[in-house]
Each structure stands twice: as C-alpha cells, then as structure tokens.
PDB file of N, CA and C in Angstrom:
ATOM      1  N   UNK A   1     140.472  49.156  -0.718  1.00  0.00           N
ATOM      2  CA  UNK A   1     139.611  48.097  -0.538  1.00  0.00           C
ATOM      3  C   UNK A   1     139.546  48.080   1.019  1.00  0.00           C
ATOM      4  N   UNK A   2     138.193  47.514   1.390  1.00  0.00           N
ATOM      5  CA  UNK A   2     137.941  47.263   2.974  1.00  0.00           C
ATOM      6  C   UNK A   2     138.610  45.862   3.017  1.00  0.00           C
ATOM      7  N   UNK A   3     138.947  45.704   4.199  1.00  0.00           N
ATOM      8  CA  UNK A   3     139.480  44.467   4.865  1.00  0.00           C
ATOM      9  C   UNK A   3     138.429  43.413   4.785  1.00  0.00           C
ATOM     10  N   UNK A   4     137.230  43.503   5.221  1.00  0.00           N
ATOM     11  CA  UNK A   4     136.025  42.646   4.817  1.00  0.00           C
ATOM     12  C   UNK A   4     136.057  42.024   3.529  1.00  0.00           C
ATOM     13  N   UNK A   5     136.070  42.903   2.706  1.00  0.00           N
ATOM     14  CA  UNK A   5     135.926  42.379   0.965  1.00  0.00           C
ATOM     15  C   UNK A   5     136.967  41.544   0.584  1.00  0.00           C
ATOM     16  N   UNK A   6     138.425  41.991   1.377  1.00  0.00           N
ATOM     17  CA  UNK A   6     139.419  40.976   1.119  1.00  0.00           C
ATOM     18  C   UNK A   6     139.310  39.558   1.632  1.00  0.00           C
ATOM     19  N   UNK A   7     138.956  39.706   2.864  1.00  0.00           N
ATOM     20  CA  UNK A   7     138.815  38.213   3.579  1.00  0.00           C
ATOM     21  C   UNK A   7     137.463  37.395   2.878  1.00  0.00           C
ATOM     22  N   UNK A   8     136.526  38.181   2.526  1.00  0.00           N
ATOM     23  CA  UNK A   8     135.385  37.565   1.668  1.00  0.00           C
ATOM     24  C   UNK A   8     136.078  36.740   0.440  1.00  0.00           C
ATOM     25  N   UNK A   9     136.697  37.511  -0.670  1.00  0.00           N
ATOM     26  CA  UNK A   9     137.319  37.020  -1.646  1.00  0.00           C
ATOM     27  C   UNK A   9     138.104  36.125  -1.404  1.00  0.00           C
ATOM     28  N   UNK A  10     139.216  36.056  -0.325  1.00  0.00           N
ATOM     29  CA  UNK A  10     139.880  34.880  -0.098  1.00  0.00           C
ATOM     30  C   UNK A  10     138.978  33.918   0.595  1.00  0.00           C
ATOM     31  N   UNK A  11     138.178  33.752   1.281  1.00  0.00           N
ATOM     32  CA  UNK A  11     136.986  32.560   1.651  1.00  0.00           C
ATOM     33  C   UNK A  11     136.703  31.947   0.212  1.00  0.00           C
ATOM     34  N   UNK A  12     135.964  32.833  -0.798  1.00  0.00           N
ATOM     35  CA  UNK A  12     135.685  32.339  -1.647  1.00  0.00           C
ATOM     36  C   UNK A  12     136.546  31.761  -2.770  1.00  0.00           C
ATOM     37  N   UNK A  13     137.789  32.225  -2.764  1.00  0.00           N
ATOM     38  CA  UNK A  13     138.783  31.552  -3.626  1.00  0.00           C
ATOM     39  C   UNK A  13     138.970  30.452  -3.124  1.00  0.00           C
ATOM     40  N   UNK A  14     139.473  30.261  -1.941  1.00  0.00           N
ATOM     41  CA  UNK A  14     140.067  28.878  -1.100  1.00  0.00           C
ATOM     42  C   UNK A  14     138.781  27.815  -0.800  1.00  0.00           C
ATOM     43  N   UNK A  15     137.736  28.153  -0.674  1.00  0.00           N
ATOM     44  CA  UNK A  15     136.645  27.291  -0.123  1.00  0.00           C
ATOM     45  C   UNK A  15     136.649  26.280  -1.168  1.00  0.00           C
ATOM     46  N   UNK A  16     136.506  26.170  -2.437  1.00  0.00           N
ATOM     47  CA  UNK A  16     136.638  24.895  -3.403  1.00  0.00           C
ATOM     48  C   UNK A  16     137.707  24.000  -3.130  1.00  0.00           C
ATOM     49  N   UNK A  17     138.706  24.611  -2.974  1.00  0.00           N
ATOM     50  CA  UNK A  17     140.056  23.912  -2.678  1.00  0.00           C
ATOM     51  C   UNK A  17     140.079  23.180  -1.243  1.00  0.00           C
ATOM     52  N   UNK A  18     139.682  23.550  -0.399  1.00  0.00           N
ATOM     53  CA  UNK A  18     139.393  23.032   0.731  1.00  0.00           C
ATOM     54  C   UNK A  18     138.294  21.653   0.703  1.00  0.00           C
ATOM     55  N   UNK A  19     137.475  22.261   0.133  1.00  0.00           N
ATOM     56  CA  UNK A  19     136.198  21.338  -0.081  1.00  0.00           C
ATOM     57  C   UNK A  19     136.367  20.095  -0.853  1.00  0.00           C
ATOM     58  N   UNK A  20     137.019  20.533  -1.982  1.00  0.00           N
ATOM     59  CA  UNK A  20     138.062  19.429  -2.715  1.00  0.00           C
ATOM     60  C   UNK A  20     138.758  18.514  -1.953  1.00  0.00           C
ATOM     61  N   UNK A  21     139.487  18.947  -1.112  1.00  0.00           N
ATOM     62  CA  UNK A  21     140.397  18.061  -0.385  1.00  0.00           C
ATOM     63  C   UNK A  21     140.030  17.189   0.304  1.00  0.00           C
ATOM     64  N   UNK A  22     138.977  18.090   1.483  1.00  0.00           N
ATOM     65  CA  UNK A  22     137.969  17.330   2.249  1.00  0.00           C
ATOM     66  C   UNK A  22     137.579  16.111   1.700  1.00  0.00           C
ATOM     67  N   UNK A  23     136.530  16.227   0.674  1.00  0.00           N
ATOM     68  CA  UNK A  23     135.880  15.291   0.435  1.00  0.00           C
ATOM     69  C   UNK A  23     136.456  14.490  -0.428  1.00  0.00           C
ATOM     70  N   UNK A  24     137.665  14.264  -0.828  1.00  0.00           N
ATOM     71  CA  UNK A  24     137.959  13.550  -2.021  1.00  0.00           C
ATOM     72  C   UNK A  24     139.260  12.715  -1.269  1.00  0.00           C
ATOM     73  N   UNK A  25     139.099  12.660   0.347  1.00  0.00           N
ATOM     74  CA  UNK A  25     140.254  11.986   1.155  1.00  0.00           C
ATOM     75  C   UNK A  25     141.813  12.137   0.878  1.00  0.00           C
ATOM     76  N   UNK A  26     141.887  13.510   0.730  1.00  0.00           N
ATOM     77  CA  UNK A  26     143.499  14.023   0.492  1.00  0.00           C
ATOM     78  C   UNK A  26     144.259  13.889  -0.558  1.00  0.00           C
ATOM     79  N   UNK A  27     143.494  13.299  -1.701  1.00  0.00           N
ATOM     80  CA  UNK A  27     144.229  12.730  -2.870  1.00  0.00           C
ATOM     81  C   UNK A  27     144.958  11.856  -2.738  1.00  0.00           C
ATOM     82  N   UNK A  28     144.932  10.776  -1.574  1.00  0.00           N
ATOM     83  CA  UNK A  28     145.677   9.698  -1.380  1.00  0.00           C
ATOM     84  C   UNK A  28     145.292   8.465  -1.909  1.00  0.00           C
ATOM     85  N   UNK A  29     144.720   8.410  -2.978  1.00  0.00           N
ATOM     86  CA  UNK A  29     143.901   6.988  -4.068  1.00  0.00           C
ATOM     87  C   UNK A  29     144.831   6.606  -4.630  1.00  0.00           C
ATOM     88  N   UNK A  30     145.327   5.383  -4.560  1.00  0.00           N
ATOM     89  CA  UNK A  30     146.620   4.914  -5.314  1.00  0.00           C
ATOM     90  C   UNK A  30     145.594   3.260  -6.285  1.00  0.00           C
ATOM     91  N   UNK A  31     146.130   2.859  -7.064  1.00  0.00           N
ATOM     92  CA  UNK A  31     145.681   1.561  -7.545  1.00  0.00           C
ATOM     93  C   UNK A  31     144.987   0.645  -6.707  1.00  0.00           C
ATOM     94  N   UNK A  32     146.168   0.495  -5.460  1.00  0.00           N
ATOM     95  CA  UNK A  32     145.680  -0.661  -4.464  1.00  0.00           C
ATOM     96  C   UNK A  32     144.604  -0.179  -3.632  1.00  0.00           C
ATOM     97  N   UNK A  33     144.300   0.838  -3.510  1.00  0.00           N
ATOM     98  CA  UNK A  33     143.111   1.564  -2.430  1.00  0.00           C
ATOM     99  C   UNK A  33     141.960   1.090  -3.231  1.00  0.00           C
ATOM    100  N   UNK A  34     141.947   1.832  -4.564  1.00  0.00           N
ATOM    101  CA  UNK A  34     140.871   1.837  -5.226  1.00  0.00           C
ATOM    102  C   UNK A  34     140.063   0.560  -5.606  1.00  0.00           C
ATOM    103  N   UNK A  35     141.627  -0.272  -5.990  1.00  0.00           N
ATOM    104  CA  UNK A  35     140.976  -1.887  -6.222  1.00  0.00           C
ATOM    105  C   UNK A  35     140.639  -2.911  -4.951  1.00  0.00           C
ATOM    106  N   UNK A  36     140.864  -2.170  -3.730  1.00  0.00           N
ATOM    107  CA  UNK A  36     140.226  -3.051  -2.600  1.00  0.00           C
ATOM    108  C   UNK A  36     141.487  -3.799  -2.323  1.00  0.00           C
ATOM    109  N   UNK A  37     142.852  -3.435  -2.386  1.00  0.00           N
ATOM    110  CA  UNK A  37     143.650  -4.347  -1.797  1.00  0.00           C
ATOM    111  C   UNK A  37     143.448  -4.404  -0.356  1.00  0.00           C
ATOM    112  N   UNK A  38     144.019  -5.439   0.182  1.00  0.00           N
ATOM    113  CA  UNK A  38     144.382  -5.703   1.860  1.00  0.00           C
ATOM    114  C   UNK A  38     144.735  -4.552   2.728  1.00  0.00           C
ATOM    115  N   UNK A  39     144.169  -3.550   3.432  1.00  0.00           N
ATOM    116  CA  UNK A  39     144.772  -2.825   4.186  1.00  0.00           C
ATOM    117  C   UNK A  39     144.687  -3.112   5.560  1.00  0.00           C
ATOM    118  N   UNK A  40     145.221  -2.704   6.351  1.00  0.00           N
ATOM    119  CA  UNK A  40     145.131  -2.574   7.774  1.00  0.00           C
ATOM    120  C   UNK A  40     143.637  -2.918   8.803  1.00  0.00           C
ATOM    121  N   UNK A  41     143.041  -1.636   7.886  1.00  0.00           N
ATOM    122  CA  UNK A  41     141.726  -1.422   8.093  1.00  0.00           C
ATOM    123  C   UNK A  41     140.930  -2.587   7.824  1.00  0.00           C
ATOM    124  N   UNK A  42     141.100  -3.061   6.417  1.00  0.00           N
ATOM    125  CA  UNK A  42     140.418  -4.145   6.272  1.00  0.00           C
ATOM    126  C   UNK A  42     140.600  -5.502   6.810  1.00  0.00           C
ATOM    127  N   UNK A  43     141.725  -5.797   7.143  1.00  0.00           N
ATOM    128  CA  UNK A  43     142.216  -6.824   8.529  1.00  0.00           C
ATOM    129  C   UNK A  43     141.726  -6.508   9.516  1.00  0.00           C
ATOM    130  N   UNK A  44     141.434  -5.574  10.045  1.00  0.00           N
ATOM    131  CA  UNK A  44     140.758  -4.984  11.314  1.00  0.00           C
ATOM    132  C   UNK A  44     139.312  -5.696  11.320  1.00  0.00           C
ATOM    133  N   UNK A  45     138.397  -5.067   9.919  1.00  0.00           N
ATOM    134  CA  UNK A  45     137.332  -5.420   9.924  1.00  0.00           C
ATOM    135  C   UNK A  45     137.509  -7.191   9.683  1.00  0.00           C
ATOM    136  N   UNK A  46     138.054  -7.424   9.054  1.00  0.00           N
ATOM    137  CA  UNK A  46     137.960  -9.065   8.968  1.00  0.00           C
ATOM    138  C   UNK A  46     138.137  -9.697  10.516  1.00  0.00           C
ATOM    139  N   UNK A  47     138.795  -8.952  11.134  1.00  0.00           N
ATOM    140  CA  UNK A  47     138.702  -9.365  12.659  1.00  0.00           C
ATOM    141  C   UNK A  47     137.566  -9.486  13.292  1.00  0.00           C
ATOM    142  N   UNK A  48     136.925  -8.398  13.073  1.00  0.00           N
ATOM    143  CA  UNK A  48     135.735  -7.971  13.747  1.00  0.00           C
ATOM    144  C   UNK A  48     134.338  -9.259  13.217  1.00  0.00           C
ATOM    145  N   UNK A  49     134.577  -9.390  11.736  1.00  0.00           N
ATOM    146  CA  UNK A  49     133.538 -10.180  11.070  1.00  0.00           C
ATOM    147  C   UNK A  49     133.777 -11.482  11.562  1.00  0.00           C
ATOM    148  N   UNK A  50     135.005 -12.230  11.902  1.00  0.00           N
ATOM    149  CA  UNK A  50     134.953 -13.697  12.386  1.00  0.00           C
ATOM    150  C   UNK A  50     134.356 -13.654  13.742  1.00  0.00           C
ATOM    151  N   UNK A  51     134.317 -12.322  14.597  1.00  0.00           N
ATOM    152  CA  UNK A  51     133.550 -12.480  15.871  1.00  0.00           C
ATOM    153  C   UNK A  51     132.234 -12.080  15.592  1.00  0.00           C
ATOM    154  N   UNK A  52     131.949 -11.558  14.679  1.00  0.00           N
ATOM    155  CA  UNK A  52     130.173 -11.539  14.211  1.00  0.00           C
ATOM    156  C   UNK A  52     129.752 -12.665  13.754  1.00  0.00           C
ATOM    157  N   UNK A  53     130.708 -13.534  13.266  1.00  0.00           N
ATOM    158  CA  UNK A  53     130.131 -14.756  12.688  1.00  0.00           C
ATOM    159  C   UNK A  53     129.298 -15.543  13.683  1.00  0.00           C
ATOM    160  N   UNK A  54     129.828 -15.629  14.836  1.00  0.00           N
ATOM    161  CA  UNK A  54     129.240 -16.250  15.684  1.00  0.00           C
ATOM    162  C   UNK A  54     128.044 -15.281  16.483  1.00  0.00           C
ATOM    163  N   UNK A  55     127.608 -14.416  15.741  1.00  0.00           N
ATOM    164  CA  UNK A  55     126.484 -13.866  16.287  1.00  0.00           C
ATOM    165  C   UNK A  55     125.330 -14.611  16.103  1.00  0.00           C
ATOM    166  N   UNK A  56     124.592 -14.926  17.215  1.00  0.00           N
ATOM    167  CA  UNK A  56     123.292 -15.541  16.853  1.00  0.00           C
ATOM    168  C   UNK A  56     122.587 -14.861  15.415  1.00  0.00           C
ATOM    169  N   UNK A  57     122.383 -13.669  15.266  1.00  0.00           N
ATOM    170  CA  UNK A  57     121.323 -13.039  14.663  1.00  0.00           C
ATOM    171  C   UNK A  57     121.895 -13.471  13.039  1.00  0.00           C
ATOM    172  N   UNK A  58     123.057 -13.254  12.856  1.00  0.00           N
ATOM    173  CA  UNK A  58     123.318 -13.742  11.599  1.00  0.00           C
ATOM    174  C   UNK A  58     123.231 -15.337  11.368  1.00  0.00           C
ATOM    175  N   UNK A  59     123.437 -16.065  11.999  1.00  0.00           N
ATOM    176  CA  UNK A  59     123.012 -17.428  12.004  1.00  0.00           C
ATOM    177  C   UNK A  59     121.617 -17.782  11.883  1.00  0.00           C
ATOM    178  N   UNK A  60     120.559 -16.970  12.586  1.00  0.00           N
ATOM    179  CA  UNK A  60     119.323 -17.064  12.611  1.00  0.00           C
ATOM    180  C   UNK A  60     118.770 -16.500  10.936  1.00  0.00           C
ATOM    181  N   UNK A  61     119.608 -15.508  10.512  1.00  0.00           N
ATOM    182  CA  UNK A  61     119.061 -15.095   9.146  1.00  0.00           C
ATOM    183  C   UNK A  61     119.525 -16.220   8.141  1.00  0.00           C
ATOM    184  N   UNK A  62     120.798 -16.669   8.110  1.00  0.00           N
ATOM    185  CA  UNK A  62     121.213 -17.542   7.116  1.00  0.00           C
ATOM    186  C   UNK A  62     120.131 -19.105   7.396  1.00  0.00           C
ATOM    187  N   UNK A  63     120.033 -19.346   8.686  1.00  0.00           N
ATOM    188  CA  UNK A  63     119.034 -20.239   8.460  1.00  0.00           C
ATOM    189  C   UNK A  63     117.703 -20.089   7.902  1.00  0.00           C
ATOM    190  N   UNK A  64     116.916 -19.015   8.203  1.00  0.00           N
ATOM    191  CA  UNK A  64     116.302 -18.785   7.158  1.00  0.00           C
ATOM    192  C   UNK A  64     116.391 -18.359   5.619  1.00  0.00           C
ATOM    193  N   UNK A  65     117.446 -18.622   5.411  1.00  0.00           N
ATOM    194  CA  UNK A  65     117.932 -18.422   3.827  1.00  0.00           C
ATOM    195  C   UNK A  65     117.773 -16.721   3.366  1.00  0.00           C
ATOM    196  N   UNK A  66     117.817 -15.747   4.454  1.00  0.00           N
ATOM    197  CA  UNK A  66     117.775 -14.718   4.074  1.00  0.00           C
ATOM    198  C   UNK A  66     119.259 -13.835   4.104  1.00  0.00           C
ATOM    199  N   UNK A  67     120.192 -14.361   2.924  1.00  0.00           N
ATOM    200  CA  UNK A  67     121.426 -14.075   2.780  1.00  0.00           C
ATOM    201  C   UNK A  67     121.636 -12.750   2.672  1.00  0.00           C
ATOM    202  N   UNK A  68     120.817 -12.237   2.262  1.00  0.00           N
ATOM    203  CA  UNK A  68     120.905 -10.359   1.771  1.00  0.00           C
ATOM    204  C   UNK A  68     120.911  -9.770   3.527  1.00  0.00           C
ATOM    205  N   UNK A  69     120.060 -10.367   4.044  1.00  0.00           N
ATOM    206  CA  UNK A  69     120.025  -9.542   5.372  1.00  0.00           C
ATOM    207  C   UNK A  69     121.082  -9.676   6.011  1.00  0.00           C
ATOM    208  N   UNK A  70     121.779 -11.094   5.830  1.00  0.00           N
ATOM    209  CA  UNK A  70     122.773 -11.415   6.592  1.00  0.00           C
ATOM    210  C   UNK A  70     123.961 -10.641   6.318  1.00  0.00           C
ATOM    211  N   UNK A  71     124.152 -10.470   4.765  1.00  0.00           N
ATOM    212  CA  UNK A  71     125.525  -9.635   4.544  1.00  0.00           C
ATOM    213  C   UNK A  71     125.120  -8.238   4.882  1.00  0.00           C
ATOM    214  N   UNK A  72     124.106  -7.576   4.944  1.00  0.00           N
ATOM    215  CA  UNK A  72     123.888  -6.376   5.391  1.00  0.00           C
ATOM    216  C   UNK A  72     124.304  -5.900   7.096  1.00  0.00           C
ATOM    217  N   UNK A  73     123.455  -6.881   8.049  1.00  0.00           N
ATOM    218  CA  UNK A  73     123.916  -6.685   9.035  1.00  0.00           C
ATOM    219  C   UNK A  73     125.589  -7.183   9.325  1.00  0.00           C
ATOM    220  N   UNK A  74     126.290  -7.891   8.674  1.00  0.00           N
ATOM    221  CA  UNK A  74     127.636  -8.320   8.683  1.00  0.00           C
ATOM    222  C   UNK A  74     128.453  -6.943   8.377  1.00  0.00           C
ATOM    223  N   UNK A  75     127.785  -6.422   7.125  1.00  0.00           N
ATOM    224  CA  UNK A  75     128.435  -4.885   6.830  1.00  0.00           C
ATOM    225  C   UNK A  75     128.171  -3.929   7.825  1.00  0.00           C
ATOM    226  N   UNK A  76     127.132  -3.851   8.401  1.00  0.00           N
ATOM    227  CA  UNK A  76     126.490  -2.670   9.311  1.00  0.00           C
ATOM    228  C   UNK A  76     127.714  -2.748  10.534  1.00  0.00           C
ATOM    229  N   UNK A  77     127.949  -4.345  11.136  1.00  0.00           N
ATOM    230  CA  UNK A  77     128.686  -4.538  12.527  1.00  0.00           C
ATOM    231  C   UNK A  77     129.981  -4.215  12.218  1.00  0.00           C
ATOM    232  N   UNK A  78     130.507  -4.349  10.988  1.00  0.00           N
ATOM    233  CA  UNK A  78     132.061  -4.677  10.797  1.00  0.00           C
ATOM    234  C   UNK A  78     132.758  -3.761  10.128  1.00  0.00           C
ATOM    235  N   UNK A  79     131.864  -3.053   9.158  1.00  0.00           N
ATOM    236  CA  UNK A  79     132.356  -1.964   8.329  1.00  0.00           C
ATOM    237  C   UNK A  79     132.847  -2.752   6.735  1.00  0.00           C
ATOM    238  N   UNK A  80     132.753  -3.985   6.584  1.00  0.00           N
ATOM    239  CA  UNK A  80     133.286  -4.439   5.847  1.00  0.00           C
ATOM    240  C   UNK A  80     132.701  -4.279   4.572  1.00  0.00           C
ATOM    241  N   UNK A  81     133.534  -4.408   3.156  1.00  0.00           N
ATOM    242  CA  UNK A  81     132.863  -4.134   1.596  1.00  0.00           C
ATOM    243  C   UNK A  81     131.828  -5.084   1.335  1.00  0.00           C
ATOM    244  N   UNK A  82     131.019  -4.693   0.393  1.00  0.00           N
ATOM    245  CA  UNK A  82     130.219  -5.850  -0.120  1.00  0.00           C
ATOM    246  C   UNK A  82     130.503  -6.988  -0.298  1.00  0.00           C
ATOM    247  N   UNK A  83     131.586  -6.980  -1.414  1.00  0.00           N
ATOM    248  CA  UNK A  83     132.533  -8.370  -1.496  1.00  0.00           C
ATOM    249  C   UNK A  83     132.750  -8.846  -0.425  1.00  0.00           C
ATOM    250  N   UNK A  84     133.587  -8.317   0.371  1.00  0.00           N
ATOM    251  CA  UNK A  84     134.115  -9.385   1.688  1.00  0.00           C
ATOM    252  C   UNK A  84     133.060  -9.894   2.293  1.00  0.00           C
ATOM    253  N   UNK A  85     131.804  -9.159   2.569  1.00  0.00           N
ATOM    254  CA  UNK A  85     130.975  -9.464   3.356  1.00  0.00           C
ATOM    255  C   UNK A  85     130.307 -10.785   2.778  1.00  0.00           C
ATOM    256  N   UNK A  86     130.013 -10.602   1.311  1.00  0.00           N
ATOM    257  CA  UNK A  86     129.503 -11.586   0.721  1.00  0.00           C
ATOM    258  C   UNK A  86     129.958 -13.024   0.810  1.00  0.00           C
ATOM    259  N   UNK A  87     131.561 -12.791   0.645  1.00  0.00           N
ATOM    260  CA  UNK A  87     132.282 -14.040   0.606  1.00  0.00           C
ATOM    261  C   UNK A  87     132.331 -14.394   2.315  1.00  0.00           C
ATOM    262  N   UNK A  88     132.249 -13.835   2.815  1.00  0.00           N
ATOM    263  CA  UNK A  88     131.932 -14.207   4.537  1.00  0.00           C
ATOM    264  C   UNK A  88     130.698 -15.314   4.878  1.00  0.00           C
ATOM    265  N   UNK A  89     129.617 -14.799   4.172  1.00  0.00           N
ATOM    266  CA  UNK A  89     128.266 -15.310   4.328  1.00  0.00           C
ATOM    267  C   UNK A  89     127.920 -16.337   3.424  1.00  0.00           C
ATOM    268  N   UNK A  90     128.873 -16.154   2.051  1.00  0.00           N
ATOM    269  CA  UNK A  90     129.153 -17.756   1.704  1.00  0.00           C
ATOM    270  C   UNK A  90     129.675 -18.799   1.798  1.00  0.00           C
ATOM    271  N   UNK A  91     131.011 -18.618   2.699  1.00  0.00           N
ATOM    272  CA  UNK A  91     131.419 -19.442   3.444  1.00  0.00           C
ATOM    273  C   UNK A  91     130.654 -20.282   4.490  1.00  0.00           C
ATOM    274  N   UNK A  92     129.604 -19.269   5.151  1.00  0.00           N
ATOM    275  CA  UNK A  92     128.748 -19.971   5.996  1.00  0.00           C
ATOM    276  C   UNK A  92     127.654 -20.665   5.893  1.00  0.00           C
ATOM    277  N   UNK A  93     127.138 -20.229   4.505  1.00  0.00           N
ATOM    278  CA  UNK A  93     125.927 -20.821   4.349  1.00  0.00           C
ATOM    279  C   UNK A  93     126.045 -21.516   2.891  1.00  0.00           C
TER     280      UNK A  93
END
C-alpha cells in the first residue's frame, strides 16, 4: 500500500478523536464546573464586574429601565454568566 493512503487513513481515523477532545474542553467537566461553582475565572470576572458597575453606560441603561441591555453589556465586558450578571444588575437597580 502506498504511504499516502496510510497517512490519509490515519488522519481519517484520528480526526474524530481530535475534534471531540478539542470541542469538549478536554473532558474535564465535573459537577462543580457544570453547575457554575465559583472558580478563579468567575472571581476574576466578578472583579471586572465591580469595576464595570461604575460605568456610566450601565447606569444610564438602568436609569432608563433597560435591565436586559444592562445585563448584556455587563456580560459582554466581563465574561460573567447570565445569572451572575443578572444578580449584579438586580443589586444595582
């Protein structure tokens, strides 16, 4: 058999495993990660959220009563999850 065919066959066999590992996050999902437990990343995002709370744009959106836009803006700038961002906005407004 030609070497080219062997290489193509190896790529075809290995590709699903590589793509699965790449898109599944390496298979390191446990109950605490899935359920949204506090992680260093979320603590960093919360710190960023605190600084974003002072943002005039967030305050202006809340003053207009547009909580949905305020939550979206906070999520875009901090990386917070939906529930975390909503909780922050609820505390402000």
